[in-house]
Amino acid sequence: MQNKTLFLIICLGLIYLAVSCKNETYQFTKNTRTTINLNQAYGKYHYFTDNQKEYISFLSTTKKLIAVYDLDGIKKMDVSLQAFYNQDRHLNNYYVKSLDTIILLSTTTNNLHLMNSLGEIWKTIKLDKLISNTTDEYTYALSRIFHQQQWSNDNYFLFAYYTMSNLQSPSSYADEYDWWVDFYTTFNQSFQLFRLGDLFTENPTATFFAPFPKFKELQRTLSVSAYAYVNNLVILFTYDSNHVEVYDPSTLECIHKFDLHSRYTELGGKGLKIERNMKMNEQEYTNQELFYGGHIRCFLFDEVNQLYCVFISHRQDGERYPERKFENAQHSLLLYDKNFKFLDEILLVGKYAYTGSFVTSKGIMIRNLEDGHFNRTVKFDYFNLEKIIN
């Protein structure tokens, strides 16, 4: 009897072990497609919601308007930007919080204009006045921002590019490369994000946080940083590294750090080491890395599956990619649970702009590039994630 009981316990244990050891993998399958025929050239596009309805907006700087479509590709309206251009010369970026709160950031003045769908500016915030209240040695220029802004209640997160207020001109250096050394050394110590709070009050505030990750310790030159506001967290990453830092948007403290890894590619460039008399072509290096390197491209959060979705591009080396082209790069989708535990990596097929991806009710929206970058017929494919138990 004891032997039978022991045998039964062993069998039950093996069954439990077999069930608990099943691997979870995921499928990323295309669902539907929306085709939009634009009647103007456009630059940036954004997904947004208003009164529980979903839209895609397109910025046309040539026609000075924002065109708004629904997810079925039906045009809803054009928002004239003429009032903005009457005050500022160049538009850097825009964000649609709602159809009556369209936020426009100028390139030359650091002014933030709030506009309604009638094209009327109902508030202007001079960000230079807020930025000048900082006590550090940098002068922050928001004119360099080009990543999508993100919202948390009435907090507005911006990426700030700075110039040193006490840095002399390159012409004052005996060797121009030494100027770059001083520039990048200080750049590594600077903040690059700030939270614009109380936006709709009479006294908005600006709080800087998040020094550049990883490269502060490595002392190497930098190219481009990016961030995402997902799942009520600020996630900061850089194209030059596989390093990721997670910040609490309320306390602005770093609460988690981790490195991304792929089974198929190296992520992040090595950067250029900062040293005196360094001979470099920073722009050439940056261009090569951005187009052909293995990089983190986009962070999303799938609320249905409670997953972080990270799109990465694979490095294009000379052997595997003799004719390197940006649109030909292989991509993967890295999946993490809500605690940033790695779950799976999915190889992706097709030509897509993964950087401009959004989570919608129809699935993860990704722009299709099979017809190229600059076609006025814009296609968005919608993908669903499905868990598979092996």
Protein backbone atom coordinates (compact mmCIF):
# COMPACT_ATOMS: atom_id res chain seq x y z
CA MET A 1 0.00 0.00 0.00
CA GLN A 2 2.82 2.37 0.87
CA ASN A 3 4.51 1.64 -2.47
CA LYS A 4 1.30 2.44 -4.35
CA THR A 5 0.89 5.70 -2.44
CA LEU A 6 4.49 6.67 -3.11
CA PHE A 7 4.07 5.81 -6.80
CA LEU A 8 0.92 7.94 -6.99
CA ILE A 9 2.68 10.91 -5.33
CA ILE A 10 5.59 10.64 -7.76
CA CYS A 11 3.24 10.49 -10.76
CA LEU A 12 1.28 13.52 -9.58
CA GLY A 13 4.53 15.40 -9.03
CA LEU A 14 5.75 14.62 -12.53
CA ILE A 15 2.43 15.71 -14.01
CA TYR A 16 2.56 18.99 -12.08
CA LEU A 17 6.17 19.53 -13.13
CA ALA A 18 5.32 18.89 -16.77
CA VAL A 19 2.42 21.35 -16.69
CA SER A 20 4.34 24.05 -14.85
CA CYS A 21 7.28 23.80 -17.26
CA LYS A 22 5.24 24.53 -20.34
CA ASN A 23 6.69 27.42 -22.27
CA GLU A 24 4.61 30.43 -23.15
CA THR A 25 5.21 31.78 -26.61
CA TYR A 26 3.31 34.34 -28.64
CA GLN A 27 2.10 34.83 -32.18
CA PHE A 28 1.99 38.25 -33.82
CA THR A 29 -0.59 38.04 -36.57
CA LYS A 30 -1.92 40.63 -39.00
CA ASN A 31 -5.60 41.39 -38.60
CA THR A 32 -6.90 44.23 -40.77
CA ARG A 33 -5.58 47.14 -42.86
CA THR A 34 -6.58 50.78 -43.18
CA THR A 35 -5.63 52.69 -46.34
CA ILE A 36 -5.68 56.49 -46.28
CA ASN A 37 -5.36 58.58 -49.44
CA LEU A 38 -3.85 61.90 -48.42
CA ASN A 39 -4.18 64.97 -50.62
CA GLN A 40 -1.11 66.64 -49.18
CA ALA A 41 2.46 65.84 -48.25
CA TYR A 42 2.80 65.14 -44.55
CA GLY A 43 5.43 64.71 -41.87
CA LYS A 44 4.61 63.37 -38.44
CA TYR A 45 1.50 61.34 -37.68
CA HIS A 46 -0.06 60.50 -34.31
CA TYR A 47 -2.80 58.29 -32.95
CA PHE A 48 -5.13 59.87 -30.38
CA THR A 49 -8.54 59.45 -28.77
CA ASP A 50 -11.29 61.98 -28.13
CA ASN A 51 -14.58 61.12 -26.37
CA GLN A 52 -13.72 57.42 -26.71
CA LYS A 53 -13.32 57.75 -30.48
CA GLU A 54 -10.01 56.91 -32.16
CA TYR A 55 -8.23 59.01 -34.77
CA ILE A 56 -5.01 59.31 -36.77
CA SER A 57 -3.69 62.82 -37.37
CA PHE A 58 -1.22 63.89 -40.07
CA LEU A 59 0.87 67.07 -40.01
CA SER A 60 1.32 68.94 -43.29
CA THR A 61 3.76 71.82 -42.90
CA THR A 62 3.47 72.71 -46.60
CA LYS A 63 -0.29 73.29 -46.38
CA LYS A 64 -0.08 74.40 -42.73
CA LEU A 65 -2.72 72.04 -41.41
CA ILE A 66 -3.34 68.88 -39.43
CA ALA A 67 -5.56 66.34 -41.23
CA VAL A 68 -7.64 64.06 -38.99
CA TYR A 69 -8.94 60.62 -40.03
CA ASP A 70 -10.69 57.81 -38.18
CA LEU A 71 -9.24 54.30 -38.02
CA ASP A 72 -11.27 53.29 -41.09
CA GLY A 73 -9.48 55.92 -43.18
CA ILE A 74 -12.43 58.35 -43.35
CA LYS A 75 -11.42 62.01 -43.17
CA LYS A 76 -13.02 63.94 -40.34
CA MET A 77 -11.51 67.41 -40.54
CA ASP A 78 -8.59 69.69 -41.34
CA VAL A 79 -7.25 71.90 -38.55
CA SER A 80 -5.65 75.08 -39.91
CA LEU A 81 -2.29 76.04 -38.41
CA GLN A 82 -2.26 79.52 -39.90
CA ALA A 83 -2.69 81.17 -36.49
CA PHE A 84 0.46 79.38 -35.30
CA TYR A 85 2.48 80.46 -38.34
CA ASN A 86 1.32 84.04 -37.82
CA GLN A 87 3.26 83.97 -34.53
CA ASP A 88 6.09 81.45 -35.05
CA ARG A 89 8.08 80.58 -38.15
CA HIS A 90 8.63 76.85 -37.71
CA LEU A 91 6.63 74.03 -36.12
CA ASN A 92 8.76 71.38 -34.44
CA ASN A 93 6.22 68.93 -33.08
CA TYR A 94 2.59 68.60 -32.14
CA TYR A 95 0.41 66.49 -29.90
CA VAL A 96 -3.36 66.06 -29.91
CA LYS A 97 -4.69 65.66 -26.37
CA SER A 98 -8.20 66.20 -27.71
CA LEU A 99 -9.76 67.95 -30.67
CA ASP A 100 -9.97 71.13 -28.60
CA THR A 101 -6.50 70.80 -27.07
CA ILE A 102 -3.92 70.56 -29.84
CA ILE A 103 -0.45 71.38 -28.57
CA LEU A 104 2.13 72.92 -30.90
CA LEU A 105 5.81 73.33 -30.10
CA SER A 106 7.77 75.97 -32.00
CA THR A 107 11.28 75.36 -33.34
CA THR A 108 12.73 78.80 -32.81
CA THR A 109 11.06 80.27 -29.74
CA ASN A 110 10.41 77.35 -27.34
CA ASN A 111 6.79 78.50 -27.18
CA LEU A 112 4.03 76.00 -26.54
CA HIS A 113 0.73 76.94 -28.18
CA LEU A 114 -2.62 75.37 -27.30
CA MET A 115 -5.10 75.36 -30.18
CA ASN A 116 -8.66 74.12 -30.74
CA SER A 117 -10.07 72.32 -33.79
CA LEU A 118 -11.15 75.67 -35.26
CA GLY A 119 -7.50 76.69 -35.54
CA GLU A 120 -7.75 79.23 -32.70
CA ILE A 121 -4.87 79.58 -30.23
CA TRP A 122 -6.39 79.84 -26.77
CA LYS A 123 -3.19 79.75 -24.71
CA THR A 124 0.56 80.25 -25.18
CA ILE A 125 3.20 79.17 -22.68
CA LYS A 126 6.69 80.66 -22.99
CA LEU A 127 8.82 77.71 -21.91
CA ASP A 128 12.02 79.77 -21.78
CA LYS A 129 10.68 81.51 -18.68
CA LEU A 130 10.24 78.17 -16.94
CA ILE A 131 13.55 76.76 -18.14
CA SER A 132 15.51 79.85 -17.03
CA ASN A 133 14.47 79.15 -13.44
CA THR A 134 16.78 76.14 -13.30
CA THR A 135 19.98 76.56 -11.30
CA ASP A 136 22.35 74.37 -13.30
CA GLU A 137 24.89 75.50 -15.87
CA TYR A 138 22.96 74.51 -19.00
CA THR A 139 20.67 76.36 -21.34
CA TYR A 140 18.00 73.98 -22.52
CA ALA A 141 16.74 74.21 -26.08
CA LEU A 142 13.48 72.40 -26.81
CA SER A 143 13.85 73.19 -30.48
CA ARG A 144 15.60 69.86 -30.96
CA ILE A 145 12.72 67.69 -29.72
CA PHE A 146 11.33 65.31 -32.30
CA HIS A 147 9.92 62.41 -30.31
CA GLN A 148 6.24 62.19 -29.56
CA GLN A 149 5.20 63.86 -26.37
CA GLN A 150 3.25 61.85 -23.81
CA TRP A 151 0.69 62.74 -21.21
CA SER A 152 -0.01 61.72 -17.62
CA ASN A 153 -3.10 63.55 -16.39
CA ASP A 154 -2.02 67.18 -16.79
CA ASN A 155 1.71 66.46 -16.83
CA TYR A 156 3.51 66.86 -20.12
CA PHE A 157 6.83 65.10 -20.69
CA LEU A 158 9.30 66.68 -23.09
CA PHE A 159 12.71 65.69 -24.35
CA ALA A 160 15.15 68.56 -23.87
CA TYR A 161 18.34 69.10 -25.83
CA TYR A 162 20.66 71.59 -24.22
CA THR A 163 23.53 73.89 -25.01
CA MET A 164 26.05 74.84 -22.35
CA SER A 165 25.76 78.43 -21.26
CA ASN A 166 29.45 78.59 -20.31
CA LEU A 167 30.88 76.65 -23.26
CA GLN A 168 32.96 78.78 -25.60
CA SER A 169 32.63 78.60 -29.37
CA PRO A 170 34.57 75.95 -31.31
CA SER A 171 36.67 78.70 -32.93
CA SER A 172 38.18 79.53 -29.54
CA TYR A 173 39.78 76.07 -29.32
CA ALA A 174 43.18 75.30 -30.80
CA ASP A 175 41.77 71.94 -31.91
CA GLU A 176 38.08 71.81 -32.82
CA TYR A 177 37.91 68.19 -31.68
CA ASP A 178 38.69 69.31 -28.13
CA TRP A 179 35.50 71.35 -28.22
CA TRP A 180 33.56 68.17 -28.98
CA VAL A 181 35.27 66.50 -26.01
CA ASP A 182 34.06 69.23 -23.65
CA PHE A 183 30.62 69.23 -25.23
CA TYR A 184 30.04 65.49 -24.92
CA THR A 185 31.64 65.22 -21.49
CA THR A 186 29.11 67.70 -20.15
CA PHE A 187 26.31 66.29 -22.29
CA ASN A 188 26.69 62.96 -20.52
CA GLN A 189 26.00 64.63 -17.19
CA SER A 190 22.99 66.65 -18.30
CA PHE A 191 19.31 66.03 -17.89
CA GLN A 192 17.31 65.36 -21.00
CA LEU A 193 13.75 65.00 -19.83
CA PHE A 194 11.53 67.40 -18.02
CA ARG A 195 7.99 67.27 -16.73
CA LEU A 196 5.80 70.24 -17.51
CA GLY A 197 3.22 70.24 -14.75
CA ASP A 198 0.02 72.20 -14.08
CA LEU A 199 -0.22 73.00 -17.76
CA PHE A 200 -3.75 74.37 -17.61
CA THR A 201 -3.18 76.63 -14.62
CA GLU A 202 -1.77 80.15 -14.46
CA ASN A 203 1.53 78.88 -13.08
CA PRO A 204 2.83 75.80 -14.95
CA THR A 205 6.01 74.23 -13.63
CA ALA A 206 9.05 72.51 -15.21
CA THR A 207 11.05 69.83 -13.41
CA PHE A 208 14.13 68.27 -15.01
CA PHE A 209 15.12 64.64 -14.47
CA ALA A 210 16.80 61.57 -16.02
CA PRO A 211 20.48 62.02 -16.90
CA PHE A 212 21.50 60.18 -20.04
CA PRO A 213 21.65 56.44 -19.22
CA LYS A 214 24.70 54.23 -19.55
CA PHE A 215 26.95 56.63 -21.44
CA LYS A 216 27.47 58.74 -18.35
CA GLU A 217 29.63 55.91 -17.05
CA LEU A 218 31.12 54.92 -20.40
CA GLN A 219 32.19 58.46 -21.30
CA ARG A 220 31.37 58.06 -24.97
CA THR A 221 29.73 60.29 -27.48
CA LEU A 222 26.00 60.07 -27.97
CA SER A 223 23.63 60.28 -30.89
CA VAL A 224 19.92 60.04 -30.16
CA SER A 225 17.90 59.30 -27.04
CA ALA A 226 14.23 58.42 -26.90
CA TYR A 227 11.53 57.75 -24.35
CA ALA A 228 8.03 56.42 -24.03
CA TYR A 229 5.21 57.07 -21.58
CA VAL A 230 3.51 53.69 -21.24
CA ASN A 231 1.57 51.97 -18.46
CA ASN A 232 1.90 55.13 -16.33
CA LEU A 233 5.70 54.94 -16.44
CA VAL A 234 8.39 56.92 -18.23
CA ILE A 235 10.79 54.62 -20.06
CA LEU A 236 14.06 56.09 -21.28
CA PHE A 237 16.40 54.44 -23.80
CA THR A 238 19.03 55.38 -26.35
CA TYR A 239 19.86 54.12 -29.82
CA ASP A 240 23.47 53.74 -28.76
CA SER A 241 22.84 51.15 -26.07
CA ASN A 242 20.66 48.22 -25.03
CA HIS A 243 20.16 49.86 -21.64
CA VAL A 244 16.69 50.88 -20.42
CA GLU A 245 15.71 52.97 -17.40
CA VAL A 246 12.22 53.21 -15.92
CA TYR A 247 11.05 56.32 -14.03
CA ASP A 248 8.11 57.01 -11.77
CA PRO A 249 6.32 60.03 -13.35
CA SER A 250 5.22 61.30 -9.93
CA THR A 251 8.51 61.16 -8.02
CA LEU A 252 10.74 61.34 -11.16
CA GLU A 253 12.95 58.69 -9.57
CA CYS A 254 14.47 55.78 -11.44
CA ILE A 255 12.71 52.65 -10.17
CA HIS A 256 14.12 49.99 -12.48
CA LYS A 257 17.05 49.38 -14.83
CA PHE A 258 17.62 46.52 -17.22
CA ASP A 259 19.32 45.60 -20.48
CA LEU A 260 17.57 44.26 -23.57
CA HIS A 261 18.97 41.26 -25.40
CA SER A 262 18.10 39.61 -28.70
CA ARG A 263 18.83 36.09 -29.92
CA TYR A 264 19.40 37.45 -33.42
CA THR A 265 21.30 40.72 -33.20
CA GLU A 266 23.53 43.01 -31.19
CA LEU A 267 21.68 45.99 -29.77
CA GLY A 268 23.26 49.41 -29.46
CA GLY A 269 26.34 50.94 -30.98
CA LYS A 270 29.65 51.17 -29.18
CA GLY A 271 29.81 54.93 -29.46
CA LEU A 272 32.96 56.96 -29.85
CA LYS A 273 35.24 57.21 -26.85
CA ILE A 274 35.74 60.73 -25.52
CA GLU A 275 39.40 61.69 -25.46
CA ARG A 276 41.54 64.70 -26.24
CA ASN A 277 42.61 65.20 -29.85
CA MET A 278 39.95 62.73 -30.89
CA LYS A 279 39.44 62.62 -34.63
CA MET A 280 35.87 61.80 -35.47
CA ASN A 281 33.00 62.48 -37.77
CA GLU A 282 30.12 62.41 -35.34
CA GLN A 283 27.45 63.04 -37.95
CA GLU A 284 28.66 60.23 -40.19
CA TYR A 285 28.82 57.84 -37.25
CA THR A 286 25.34 58.86 -36.12
CA ASN A 287 23.83 58.42 -39.56
CA GLN A 288 25.39 54.99 -40.01
CA GLU A 289 24.22 53.83 -36.61
CA LEU A 290 20.68 55.15 -36.92
CA PHE A 291 20.11 53.61 -40.33
CA TYR A 292 21.97 50.32 -40.05
CA GLY A 293 22.50 49.56 -36.36
CA GLY A 294 20.65 47.22 -34.05
CA HIS A 295 18.45 49.50 -31.97
CA ILE A 296 15.44 49.81 -29.71
CA ARG A 297 12.86 51.43 -31.93
CA CYS A 298 9.63 51.64 -29.94
CA PHE A 299 8.11 50.80 -26.53
CA LEU A 300 4.39 49.96 -26.22
CA PHE A 301 2.17 48.43 -23.53
CA ASP A 302 -0.57 45.95 -24.43
CA GLU A 303 -3.17 46.36 -21.69
CA VAL A 304 -5.19 43.34 -22.80
CA ASN A 305 -2.26 40.94 -22.38
CA GLN A 306 -0.43 43.07 -19.78
CA LEU A 307 2.73 42.99 -21.88
CA TYR A 308 5.45 45.45 -22.77
CA CYS A 309 6.10 45.29 -26.51
CA VAL A 310 9.54 46.42 -27.68
CA PHE A 311 10.28 46.69 -31.40
CA ILE A 312 13.97 46.40 -32.26
CA SER A 313 15.89 46.59 -35.54
CA HIS A 314 18.69 44.15 -36.40
CA ARG A 315 22.18 45.34 -37.23
CA GLN A 316 22.91 45.29 -40.95
CA ASP A 317 26.49 44.13 -41.42
CA GLY A 318 28.31 44.08 -44.73
CA GLU A 319 28.18 40.30 -45.13
CA ARG A 320 24.48 39.67 -44.54
CA TYR A 321 23.41 42.99 -46.04
CA PRO A 322 25.73 43.80 -48.98
CA GLU A 323 23.26 46.51 -50.09
CA ARG A 324 22.30 48.06 -46.81
CA LYS A 325 19.03 49.96 -46.83
CA PHE A 326 17.05 51.24 -43.87
CA GLU A 327 13.76 49.80 -45.11
CA ASN A 328 15.32 46.34 -45.58
CA ALA A 329 16.35 45.87 -41.95
CA GLN A 330 15.09 42.79 -40.11
CA HIS A 331 13.07 43.49 -36.97
CA SER A 332 12.05 41.59 -33.86
CA LEU A 333 9.39 42.06 -31.21
CA LEU A 334 10.60 41.54 -27.62
CA LEU A 335 7.89 40.78 -25.06
CA TYR A 336 8.13 41.45 -21.32
CA ASP A 337 5.60 40.98 -18.54
CA LYS A 338 4.42 43.85 -16.35
CA ASN A 339 7.47 43.37 -14.10
CA PHE A 340 9.84 43.59 -17.10
CA LYS A 341 10.58 39.86 -17.08
CA PHE A 342 11.53 38.64 -20.55
CA LEU A 343 8.97 36.29 -22.15
CA ASP A 344 9.58 35.86 -25.86
CA GLU A 345 11.15 37.22 -29.03
CA ILE A 346 9.23 37.13 -32.31
CA LEU A 347 10.95 37.58 -35.68
CA LEU A 348 8.95 39.99 -37.84
CA VAL A 349 8.48 39.97 -41.59
CA GLY A 350 7.56 42.74 -44.03
CA LYS A 351 8.54 46.38 -44.38
CA TYR A 352 7.10 48.50 -41.59
CA ALA A 353 7.78 51.73 -39.70
CA TYR A 354 7.87 50.16 -36.26
CA THR A 355 8.97 53.41 -34.63
CA GLY A 356 5.53 54.91 -35.35
CA SER A 357 3.46 52.14 -33.72
CA PHE A 358 0.45 52.57 -31.46
CA VAL A 359 -1.90 50.35 -29.46
CA THR A 360 -5.52 50.76 -30.63
CA SER A 361 -8.81 48.91 -30.19
CA LYS A 362 -8.17 47.21 -33.54
CA GLY A 363 -4.74 45.95 -32.47
CA ILE A 364 -1.20 47.29 -32.66
CA MET A 365 -1.18 49.82 -35.50
CA ILE A 366 1.98 49.84 -37.66
CA ARG A 367 2.58 51.78 -40.86
CA ASN A 368 3.24 49.57 -43.88
CA LEU A 369 6.23 50.65 -46.02
CA GLU A 370 5.82 48.26 -48.93
CA ASP A 371 5.16 51.26 -51.20
CA GLY A 372 7.99 53.35 -49.73
CA HIS A 373 8.23 56.20 -47.23
CA PHE A 374 6.86 59.12 -49.22
CA ASN A 375 3.74 57.78 -50.88
CA ARG A 376 0.55 59.79 -50.29
CA THR A 377 -1.37 56.53 -50.04
CA VAL A 378 -0.63 55.52 -46.45
CA LYS A 379 -1.32 52.00 -45.23
CA PHE A 380 -1.64 50.92 -41.61
CA ASP A 381 -1.76 47.25 -40.67
CA TYR A 382 -3.22 46.09 -37.37
CA PHE A 383 -1.67 43.14 -35.50
CA ASN A 384 -2.86 41.03 -32.57
CA LEU A 385 -0.79 39.21 -29.96
CA GLU A 386 -1.91 35.71 -29.03
CA LYS A 387 -0.44 33.54 -26.28
CA ILE A 388 0.39 29.92 -27.15
CA ILE A 389 1.11 27.25 -24.52
CA ASN A 390 3.64 24.69 -25.73
